[in-house]
C-alpha atoms as a PDB file:
ATOM      1  CA  MET A   1      26.738  44.843-113.901  1.00  0.00           C
ATOM      2  CA  LEU A   2      28.670  42.554-111.912  1.00  0.00           C
ATOM      3  CA  ASP A   3      31.211  40.296-113.966  1.00  0.00           C
ATOM      4  CA  LEU A   4      31.270  36.714-112.390  1.00  0.00           C
ATOM      5  CA  ASP A   5      34.112  34.579-112.646  1.00  0.00           C
ATOM      6  CA  LEU A   6      32.366  31.094-112.993  1.00  0.00           C
ATOM      7  CA  THR A   7      35.706  29.339-113.193  1.00  0.00           C
ATOM      8  CA  THR A   8      36.933  30.868-110.012  1.00  0.00           C
ATOM      9  CA  ILE A   9      33.266  30.277-108.278  1.00  0.00           C
ATOM     10  CA  ALA A  10      33.122  26.812-109.392  1.00  0.00           C
ATOM     11  CA  PHE A  11      36.899  25.995-108.302  1.00  0.00           C
ATOM     12  CA  GLN A  12      35.814  27.842-104.435  1.00  0.00           C
ATOM     13  CA  LEU A  13      32.533  25.680-104.970  1.00  0.00           C
ATOM     14  CA  VAL A  14      35.293  22.454-105.175  1.00  0.00           C
ATOM     15  CA  ASN A  15      37.162  23.781-102.277  1.00  0.00           C
ATOM     16  CA  PHE A  16      34.778  24.086-100.239  1.00  0.00           C
ATOM     17  CA  ILE A  17      33.254  20.677-101.084  1.00  0.00           C
ATOM     18  CA  VAL A  18      36.703  19.341-100.700  1.00  0.00           C
ATOM     19  CA  LEU A  19      36.781  20.867 -97.166  1.00  0.00           C
ATOM     20  CA  ALA A  20      33.381  20.073 -95.942  1.00  0.00           C
ATOM     21  CA  VAL A  21      34.023  16.309 -97.118  1.00  0.00           C
ATOM     22  CA  GLY A  22      37.646  16.341 -95.297  1.00  0.00           C
ATOM     23  CA  LEU A  23      36.193  18.014 -92.259  1.00  0.00           C
ATOM     24  CA  TYR A  24      33.435  15.710 -92.311  1.00  0.00           C
ATOM     25  CA  PHE A  25      35.788  12.419 -92.557  1.00  0.00           C
ATOM     26  CA  LEU A  26      38.599  13.707 -90.636  1.00  0.00           C
ATOM     27  CA  LEU A  27      36.451  15.973 -87.670  1.00  0.00           C
ATOM     28  CA  PHE A  28      33.247  15.799 -87.831  1.00  0.00           C
ATOM     29  CA  LYS A  29      32.546  12.045 -88.317  1.00  0.00           C
ATOM     30  CA  ARG A  30      34.706  11.488 -85.231  1.00  0.00           C
ATOM     31  CA  ILE A  31      32.707  13.690 -83.170  1.00  0.00           C
ATOM     32  CA  ILE A  32      29.135  12.240 -84.413  1.00  0.00           C
ATOM     33  CA  LYS A  33      30.668   8.920 -83.516  1.00  0.00           C
ATOM     34  CA  LYS A  34      31.299   9.974 -80.184  1.00  0.00           C
ATOM     35  CA  ALA A  35      28.470  11.926 -79.968  1.00  0.00           C
ATOM     36  CA  ASP A  36      26.585   8.579 -81.448  1.00  0.00           C
ATOM     37  CA  GLN A  37      28.530   6.794 -78.847  1.00  0.00           C
ATOM     38  CA  ARG A  38      27.777   8.782 -76.078  1.00  0.00           C
ATOM     39  CA  ASN A  39      24.192   9.171 -76.724  1.00  0.00           C
ATOM     40  CA  GLN A  40      24.019   5.236 -76.557  1.00  0.00           C
ATOM     41  CA  GLU A  41      26.058   5.289 -73.448  1.00  0.00           C
ATOM     42  CA  LEU A  42      23.810   7.701 -72.251  1.00  0.00           C
ATOM     43  CA  ALA A  43      20.834   5.675 -73.520  1.00  0.00           C
ATOM     44  CA  ALA A  44      22.172   2.876 -71.895  1.00  0.00           C
ATOM     45  CA  MET A  45      22.620   4.691 -68.436  1.00  0.00           C
ATOM     46  CA  GLN A  46      19.396   5.624 -68.727  1.00  0.00           C
ATOM     47  CA  GLN A  47      18.402   2.106 -69.576  1.00  0.00           C
ATOM     48  CA  GLU A  48      20.408   1.110 -66.198  1.00  0.00           C
ATOM     49  CA  THR A  49      18.868   4.056 -64.471  1.00  0.00           C
ATOM     50  CA  LEU A  50      15.709   3.117 -65.652  1.00  0.00           C
ATOM     51  CA  ARG A  51      16.130  -0.600 -64.281  1.00  0.00           C
ATOM     52  CA  ASN A  52      17.339   0.479 -61.138  1.00  0.00           C
ATOM     53  CA  LEU A  53      14.447   2.847 -60.496  1.00  0.00           C
ATOM     54  CA  GLU A  54      12.291  -0.509 -61.632  1.00  0.00           C
ATOM     55  CA  GLU A  55      14.415  -2.676 -59.432  1.00  0.00           C
ATOM     56  CA  SER A  56      14.296  -0.087 -56.196  1.00  0.00           C
ATOM     57  CA  GLU A  57      10.763   0.333 -56.947  1.00  0.00           C
ATOM     58  CA  LYS A  58      10.094  -3.286 -56.377  1.00  0.00           C
ATOM     59  CA  ILE A  59      12.607  -3.315 -53.516  1.00  0.00           C
ATOM     60  CA  ARG A  60      10.772  -0.464 -52.014  1.00  0.00           C
ATOM     61  CA  ALA A  61       7.588  -2.385 -52.653  1.00  0.00           C
ATOM     62  CA  GLN A  62       8.653  -5.341 -50.917  1.00  0.00           C
ATOM     63  CA  ALA A  63      10.195  -3.586 -48.234  1.00  0.00           C
ATOM     64  CA  GLU A  64       6.655  -1.946 -47.987  1.00  0.00           C
ATOM     65  CA  GLU A  65       5.189  -5.361 -48.320  1.00  0.00           C
ATOM     66  CA  TYR A  66       7.630  -6.819 -45.783  1.00  0.00           C
ATOM     67  CA  LEU A  67       6.830  -3.642 -42.845  1.00  0.00           C
ATOM     68  CA  LYS A  68       3.326  -4.402 -43.417  1.00  0.00           C
ATOM     69  CA  ASN A  69       3.373  -8.156 -42.843  1.00  0.00           C
ATOM     70  CA  ILE A  70       5.908  -7.569 -39.815  1.00  0.00           C
ATOM     71  CA  ASN A  71       3.164  -5.245 -38.408  1.00  0.00           C
ATOM     72  CA  LEU A  72       0.676  -7.723 -39.126  1.00  0.00           C
ATOM     73  CA  GLU A  73       2.440  -9.922 -37.466  1.00  0.00           C
ATOM     74  CA  VAL A  74       3.676  -7.878 -35.058  1.00  0.00           C
ATOM     75  CA  ASP A  75       0.064  -7.262 -34.378  1.00  0.00           C
ATOM     76  CA  LYS A  76      -1.229 -10.823 -33.878  1.00  0.00           C
ATOM     77  CA  LYS A  77       1.781 -11.556 -31.703  1.00  0.00           C
ATOM     78  CA  ILE A  78       0.470  -8.829 -29.232  1.00  0.00           C
ATOM     79  CA  ASP A  79      -2.863  -9.913 -29.490  1.00  0.00           C
ATOM     80  CA  GLN A  80      -2.020 -13.829 -28.890  1.00  0.00           C
ATOM     81  CA  ALA A  81       0.194 -12.179 -25.786  1.00  0.00           C
ATOM     82  CA  LEU A  82      -2.591 -10.477 -24.860  1.00  0.00           C
ATOM     83  CA  LYS A  83      -4.760 -13.436 -24.957  1.00  0.00           C
ATOM     84  CA  ASP A  84      -2.475 -15.723 -23.161  1.00  0.00           C
ATOM     85  CA  LEU A  85      -1.780 -13.001 -20.641  1.00  0.00           C
ATOM     86  CA  GLU A  86      -5.483 -12.619 -20.028  1.00  0.00           C
ATOM     87  CA  ALA A  87      -5.574 -16.510 -20.251  1.00  0.00           C
ATOM     88  CA  ALA A  88      -2.583 -16.907 -17.515  1.00  0.00           C
ATOM     89  CA  ARG A  89      -4.429 -13.953 -15.291  1.00  0.00           C
ATOM     90  CA  HIS A  90      -7.891 -16.146 -15.435  1.00  0.00           C
ATOM     91  CA  GLU A  91      -6.137 -19.438 -14.520  1.00  0.00           C
ATOM     92  CA  VAL A  92      -4.492 -17.716 -11.878  1.00  0.00           C
ATOM     93  CA  LEU A  93      -7.672 -16.228 -10.256  1.00  0.00           C
ATOM     94  CA  GLN A  94      -9.054 -19.477 -11.060  1.00  0.00           C
ATOM     95  CA  GLN A  95      -6.573 -21.234  -9.074  1.00  0.00           C
ATOM     96  CA  THR A  96      -6.430 -18.722  -6.651  1.00  0.00           C
ATOM     97  CA  LYS A  97     -10.327 -18.868  -5.884  1.00  0.00           C
ATOM     98  CA  ALA A  98     -10.248 -22.740  -5.759  1.00  0.00           C
ATOM     99  CA  GLU A  99      -7.206 -22.745  -3.157  1.00  0.00           C
ATOM    100  CA  VAL A 100      -9.003 -19.663  -1.359  1.00  0.00           C
ATOM    101  CA  ASP A 101     -12.248 -21.876  -1.470  1.00  0.00           C
ATOM    102  CA  GLU A 102     -10.477 -25.125  -0.293  1.00  0.00           C
ATOM    103  CA  VAL A 103      -8.820 -23.258   2.513  1.00  0.00           C
ATOM    104  CA  PHE A 104     -11.805 -21.993   3.609  1.00  0.00           C
ATOM    105  CA  HIS A 105     -13.629 -24.966   3.369  1.00  0.00           C
ATOM    106  CA  GLN A 106     -10.763 -26.481   5.424  1.00  0.00           C
ATOM    107  CA  ARG A 107     -10.956 -23.849   8.059  1.00  0.00           C
ATOM    108  CA  ARG A 108     -14.935 -24.627   8.304  1.00  0.00           C
ATOM    109  CA  GLU A 109     -14.155 -28.121   8.818  1.00  0.00           C
ATOM    110  CA  ASP A 110     -11.647 -27.658  11.155  1.00  0.00           C
ATOM    111  CA  THR A 111     -13.686 -25.292  12.998  1.00  0.00           C
ATOM    112  CA  ILE A 112     -16.740 -27.983  12.917  1.00  0.00           C
ATOM    113  CA  HIS A 113     -14.469 -30.318  13.919  1.00  0.00           C
ATOM    114  CA  LEU A 114     -13.459 -28.205  17.034  1.00  0.00           C
ATOM    115  CA  GLN A 115     -16.668 -27.255  17.943  1.00  0.00           C
ATOM    116  CA  ARG A 116     -17.888 -31.028  17.844  1.00  0.00           C
ATOM    117  CA  ARG A 117     -14.417 -31.910  20.009  1.00  0.00           C
ATOM    118  CA  ILE A 118     -15.875 -29.101  22.260  1.00  0.00           C
ATOM    119  CA  ILE A 119     -18.879 -30.319  22.478  1.00  0.00           C
ATOM    120  CA  GLU A 120     -18.180 -34.087  22.988  1.00  0.00           C
ATOM    121  CA  GLU A 121     -15.465 -32.935  25.607  1.00  0.00           C
ATOM    122  CA  PHE A 122     -18.142 -30.842  27.506  1.00  0.00           C
ATOM    123  CA  GLN A 123     -20.919 -33.702  27.206  1.00  0.00           C
ATOM    124  CA  GLN A 124     -18.053 -36.048  28.831  1.00  0.00           C
ATOM    125  CA  ASP A 125     -17.117 -34.127  31.711  1.00  0.00           C
ATOM    126  CA  LEU A 126     -21.007 -32.941  32.264  1.00  0.00           C
ATOM    127  CA  LEU A 127     -21.681 -36.747  32.071  1.00  0.00           C
ATOM    128  CA  ASP A 128     -18.741 -37.788  34.659  1.00  0.00           C
ATOM    129  CA  THR A 129     -19.683 -34.661  36.798  1.00  0.00           C
ATOM    130  CA  ILE A 130     -23.299 -36.029  36.759  1.00  0.00           C
ATOM    131  CA  ILE A 131     -21.493 -39.605  37.628  1.00  0.00           C
ATOM    132  CA  GLN A 132     -19.725 -37.952  40.791  1.00  0.00           C
ATOM    133  CA  VAL A 133     -22.365 -36.177  41.849  1.00  0.00           C
ATOM    134  CA  SER A 134     -24.994 -38.872  41.692  1.00  0.00           C
ATOM    135  CA  LEU A 135     -22.346 -41.258  43.527  1.00  0.00           C
ATOM    136  CA  HIS A 136     -21.802 -38.871  45.795  1.00  0.00           C
ATOM    137  CA  THR A 137     -25.360 -38.147  46.518  1.00  0.00           C
ATOM    138  CA  LEU A 138     -26.170 -42.045  46.391  1.00  0.00           C
ATOM    139  CA  GLN A 139     -23.211 -42.800  49.172  1.00  0.00           C
ATOM    140  CA  LEU A 140     -24.904 -40.300  51.492  1.00  0.00           C
ATOM    141  CA  ALA A 141     -28.462 -40.486  50.713  1.00  0.00           C
ATOM    142  CA  ALA A 142     -28.908 -44.476  49.832  1.00  0.00           C
ATOM    143  CA  PRO A 143     -29.976 -46.612  52.358  1.00  0.00           C
ATOM    144  CA  GLU A 144     -28.580 -49.696  53.865  1.00  0.00           C
ATOM    145  CA  GLU A 145     -31.868 -51.771  53.049  1.00  0.00           C
ATOM    146  CA  LEU A 146     -30.861 -51.210  49.104  1.00  0.00           C
ATOM    147  CA  HIS A 147     -27.513 -52.808  49.651  1.00  0.00           C
ATOM    148  CA  HIS A 148     -28.957 -55.787  51.352  1.00  0.00           C
ATOM    149  CA  THR A 149     -31.576 -55.685  48.759  1.00  0.00           C
ATOM    150  CA  LEU A 150     -28.716 -55.892  45.960  1.00  0.00           C
ATOM    151  CA  LEU A 151     -26.637 -58.591  48.007  1.00  0.00           C
ATOM    152  CA  ASN A 152     -29.965 -60.573  48.094  1.00  0.00           C
ATOM    153  CA  GLN A 153     -30.781 -60.206  44.523  1.00  0.00           C
ATOM    154  CA  MET A 154     -27.399 -61.189  43.740  1.00  0.00           C
ATOM    155  CA  ASN A 155     -27.544 -64.196  45.572  1.00  0.00           C
ATOM    156  CA  GLU A 156     -30.735 -65.356  43.398  1.00  0.00           C
ATOM    157  CA  SER A 157     -29.531 -64.414  40.463  1.00  0.00           C
ATOM    158  CA  VAL A 158     -26.251 -67.191  41.386  1.00  0.00           C
ATOM    159  CA  TRP A 159     -29.108 -69.757  42.357  1.00  0.00           C
ATOM    160  CA  ASP A 160     -31.166 -68.626  39.577  1.00  0.00           C
ATOM    161  CA  LEU A 161     -27.856 -69.733  36.879  1.00  0.00           C
ATOM    162  CA  GLY A 162     -27.954 -73.317  38.118  1.00  0.00           C
ATOM    163  CA  LYS A 163     -31.843 -73.724  37.295  1.00  0.00           C
ATOM    164  CA  SER A 164     -31.211 -71.769  33.857  1.00  0.00           C
ATOM    165  CA  ASP A 165     -27.642 -72.431  32.566  1.00  0.00           C
ATOM    166  CA  MET A 166     -25.986 -75.529  33.807  1.00  0.00           C
ATOM    167  CA  HIS A 167     -23.677 -75.410  30.879  1.00  0.00           C
ATOM    168  CA  LYS A 168     -22.333 -71.695  32.316  1.00  0.00           C
ATOM    169  CA  VAL A 169     -22.056 -73.736  35.565  1.00  0.00           C
ATOM    170  CA  GLU A 170     -20.246 -76.523  34.659  1.00  0.00           C
ATOM    171  CA  SER A 171     -18.206 -74.364  32.732  1.00  0.00           C
ATOM    172  CA  ILE A 172     -17.437 -72.063  36.009  1.00  0.00           C
ATOM    173  CA  ARG A 173     -16.490 -75.339  37.995  1.00  0.00           C
ATOM    174  CA  LYS A 174     -14.404 -76.732  35.132  1.00  0.00           C
ATOM    175  CA  SER A 175     -12.001 -73.323  35.254  1.00  0.00           C
ATOM    176  CA  LEU A 176     -11.624 -73.908  38.958  1.00  0.00           C
ATOM    177  CA  GLU A 177     -10.607 -77.411  39.219  1.00  0.00           C
ATOM    178  CA  ASN A 178      -7.203 -76.497  39.023  1.00  0.00           C
ATOM    179  CA  ARG A 179      -7.609 -73.224  40.746  1.00  0.00           C
ATOM    180  CA  GLU A 180      -7.905 -72.164  44.746  1.00  0.00           C
ATOM    181  CA  PRO A 181     -11.812 -71.721  45.236  1.00  0.00           C
ATOM    182  CA  LEU A 182     -11.436 -68.021  46.780  1.00  0.00           C
ATOM    183  CA  LEU A 183     -14.246 -65.624  46.801  1.00  0.00           C
ATOM    184  CA  MET A 184     -13.274 -61.896  46.030  1.00  0.00           C
ATOM    185  CA  VAL A 185     -16.035 -59.927  47.245  1.00  0.00           C
ATOM    186  CA  GLU A 186     -16.108 -55.941  46.859  1.00  0.00           C
ATOM    187  CA  SER A 187     -18.415 -54.030  49.172  1.00  0.00           C
ATOM    188  CA  PRO A 188     -19.312 -50.593  50.086  1.00  0.00           C
ATOM    189  CA  LEU A 189     -20.465 -51.739  53.872  1.00  0.00           C
ATOM    190  CA  PRO A 190     -18.847 -54.244  56.027  1.00  0.00           C
ATOM    191  CA  LEU A 191     -20.814 -57.733  55.789  1.00  0.00           C
ATOM    192  CA  SER A 192     -22.731 -59.169  58.541  1.00  0.00           C
ATOM    193  CA  LYS A 193     -22.057 -62.701  59.814  1.00  0.00           C
ATOM    194  CA  GLU A 194     -25.434 -63.919  57.879  1.00  0.00           C
ATOM    195  CA  GLU A 195     -24.690 -62.230  54.837  1.00  0.00           C
ATOM    196  CA  LYS A 196     -21.014 -64.122  54.196  1.00  0.00           C
ATOM    197  CA  ALA A 197     -22.284 -67.237  55.434  1.00  0.00           C
ATOM    198  CA  LEU A 198     -24.846 -66.636  52.810  1.00  0.00           C
ATOM    199  CA  LEU A 199     -22.783 -65.737  49.862  1.00  0.00           C
ATOM    200  CA  THR A 200     -20.476 -68.511  50.910  1.00  0.00           C
ATOM    201  CA  ARG A 201     -23.293 -71.619  50.864  1.00  0.00           C
ATOM    202  CA  THR A 202     -24.574 -70.073  47.641  1.00  0.00           C
ATOM    203  CA  PHE A 203     -21.145 -69.792  45.831  1.00  0.00           C
ATOM    204  CA  SER A 204     -19.684 -73.075  47.166  1.00  0.00           C
ATOM    205  CA  ALA A 205     -22.746 -74.532  45.853  1.00  0.00           C
ATOM    206  CA  LEU A 206     -22.010 -73.260  42.718  1.00  0.00           C
ATOM    207  CA  ALA A 207     -18.358 -74.204  42.851  1.00  0.00           C
ATOM    208  CA  ASP A 208     -19.419 -77.704  43.661  1.00  0.00           C
ATOM    209  CA  LYS A 209     -16.643 -77.399  46.496  1.00  0.00           C
ATOM    210  CA  ASN A 210     -16.113 -75.177  49.742  1.00  0.00           C
ATOM    211  CA  ILE A 211     -14.719 -71.891  49.135  1.00  0.00           C
ATOM    212  CA  LYS A 212     -12.959 -68.997  50.707  1.00  0.00           C
ATOM    213  CA  MET A 213     -13.929 -65.494  50.912  1.00  0.00           C
ATOM    214  CA  GLU A 214     -11.914 -62.319  50.519  1.00  0.00           C
ATOM    215  CA  LEU A 215     -13.530 -59.309  51.641  1.00  0.00           C
ATOM    216  CA  LYS A 216     -12.464 -55.508  50.283  1.00  0.00           C
ATOM    217  CA  ILE A 217     -14.709 -52.499  51.389  1.00  0.00           C
ATOM    218  CA  HIS A 218     -15.021 -49.773  48.776  1.00  0.00           C
ATOM    219  CA  LYS A 219     -17.426 -46.999  49.438  1.00  0.00           C
ATOM    220  CA  GLU A 220     -17.566 -45.923  45.813  1.00  0.00           C
ATOM    221  CA  LEU A 221     -19.686 -48.735  44.704  1.00  0.00           C
ATOM    222  CA  VAL A 222     -22.734 -47.133  46.842  1.00  0.00           C
ATOM    223  CA  ALA A 223     -24.375 -50.602  47.193  1.00  0.00           C
ATOM    224  CA  GLY A 224     -24.188 -53.791  45.916  1.00  0.00           C
ATOM    225  CA  LEU A 225     -21.640 -56.526  45.401  1.00  0.00           C
ATOM    226  CA  LYS A 226     -18.957 -57.087  42.993  1.00  0.00           C
ATOM    227  CA  VAL A 227     -17.692 -60.633  43.128  1.00  0.00           C
ATOM    228  CA  ARG A 228     -15.355 -62.941  41.124  1.00  0.00           C
ATOM    229  CA  LEU A 229     -14.928 -66.633  41.512  1.00  0.00           C
ATOM    230  CA  GLY A 230     -12.707 -67.660  38.980  1.00  0.00           C
ATOM    231  CA  ASP A 231     -14.299 -66.983  35.436  1.00  0.00           C
ATOM    232  CA  LEU A 232     -17.236 -65.923  36.768  1.00  0.00           C
ATOM    233  CA  VAL A 233     -17.244 -62.002  37.536  1.00  0.00           C
ATOM    234  CA  VAL A 234     -21.081 -60.598  38.877  1.00  0.00           C
ATOM    235  CA  ASP A 235     -21.664 -56.729  39.490  1.00  0.00           C
ATOM    236  CA  ASN A 236     -24.788 -56.058  40.697  1.00  0.00           C
ATOM    237  CA  THR A 237     -23.297 -52.055  42.374  1.00  0.00           C
ATOM    238  CA  LEU A 238     -25.033 -48.791  41.751  1.00  0.00           C
ATOM    239  CA  SER A 239     -22.067 -47.607  40.628  1.00  0.00           C
ATOM    240  CA  SER A 240     -21.662 -50.138  37.760  1.00  0.00           C
ATOM    241  CA  LYS A 241     -24.942 -49.433  36.709  1.00  0.00           C
ATOM    242  CA  LEU A 242     -24.348 -45.937  36.607  1.00  0.00           C
ATOM    243  CA  GLU A 243     -21.619 -46.080  34.497  1.00  0.00           C
ATOM    244  CA  GLU A 244     -23.790 -48.422  32.270  1.00  0.00           C
ATOM    245  CA  ILE A 245     -26.408 -45.621  32.094  1.00  0.00           C
ATOM    246  CA  SER A 246     -23.152 -43.108  31.299  1.00  0.00           C
ATOM    247  CA  GLU A 247     -22.219 -45.710  28.608  1.00  0.00           C
ATOM    248  CA  SER A 248     -25.415 -45.723  26.789  1.00  0.00           C
ATOM    249  CA  THR A 249     -26.309 -41.711  26.920  1.00  0.00           C
ATOM    250  CA  LYS A 250     -22.695 -41.582  25.311  1.00  0.00           C
ATOM    251  CA  ALA A 251     -23.453 -44.003  22.662  1.00  0.00           C
ATOM    252  CA  SER A 252     -26.919 -42.050  22.237  1.00  0.00           C
ATOM    253  CA  LEU A 253     -25.298 -38.712  22.050  1.00  0.00           C
ATOM    254  CA  GLN A 254     -22.790 -40.051  19.647  1.00  0.00           C
ATOM    255  CA  GLU A 255     -25.320 -41.631  17.579  1.00  0.00           C
ATOM    256  CA  LYS A 256     -26.671 -37.920  17.079  1.00  0.00           C
ATOM    257  CA  PHE A 257     -23.717 -36.618  16.217  1.00  0.00           C
ATOM    258  CA  ASN A 258     -23.059 -38.915  13.310  1.00  0.00           C
ATOM    259  CA  GLN A 259     -26.499 -38.297  12.056  1.00  0.00           C
ATOM    260  CA  LEU A 260     -26.164 -34.479  12.180  1.00  0.00           C
ATOM    261  CA  LYS A 261     -22.917 -34.771  10.369  1.00  0.00           C
ATOM    262  CA  ALA A 262     -24.610 -36.897   7.927  1.00  0.00           C
ATOM    263  CA  ASP A 263     -27.325 -34.519   7.456  1.00  0.00           C
ATOM    264  CA  GLU A 264     -24.727 -31.750   6.611  1.00  0.00           C
ATOM    265  CA  ASN A 265     -23.053 -33.291   4.123  1.00  0.00           C
END
């Protein structure tokens, strides 16, 4: 049977307890304390890490939102830039079209004006040619009787002036008060003595004083006379009548051109 010494056992037990208590207070308590501190530090670090992670997550979310907003803003800027570019292109096209239309319209107007000017010049040249040919033809074909007939018509028209318009007769006489009573006569043919005497009597009666006559021959007058006495000028030559016809024709053609231009507008 095993012999146990209780005293020894109790002593050993006390020693163990004292040793355990001593180790606890001298060693394990510090270790535990340090372990607790370490655990607290780790917990703090863990909390800090978690906070940092949360902050990082917030920053990441903000960064993603910012990038998203930036992308949206960039897309808006690109869309706006494309719209502005399209608007500018359209404006340039419209402006270019307007300029082209204006240039085309101006060229068309210039062409029309050039055509009208060419036609007018052609008509002017044609009328001048017709007048010249007519004068030349009349110079060759007009009988002397026509010249004498026109001379007599002028003589009668001057006598009729004294019957129908004495106011004008008085005005002619008044204009000769301080002038030499000179009758300037232009004729395509020489005048006979009888014709000179006839004209001298007629215009002396008109002037109410004796006159002198000065005669000049101009074959281009074709037939008839052109006379000047003071302020009075009488022209019944064929050349002047042809000139009147030419001017009347020009006026009529110009009126037609103006009417055509008004119809075009």
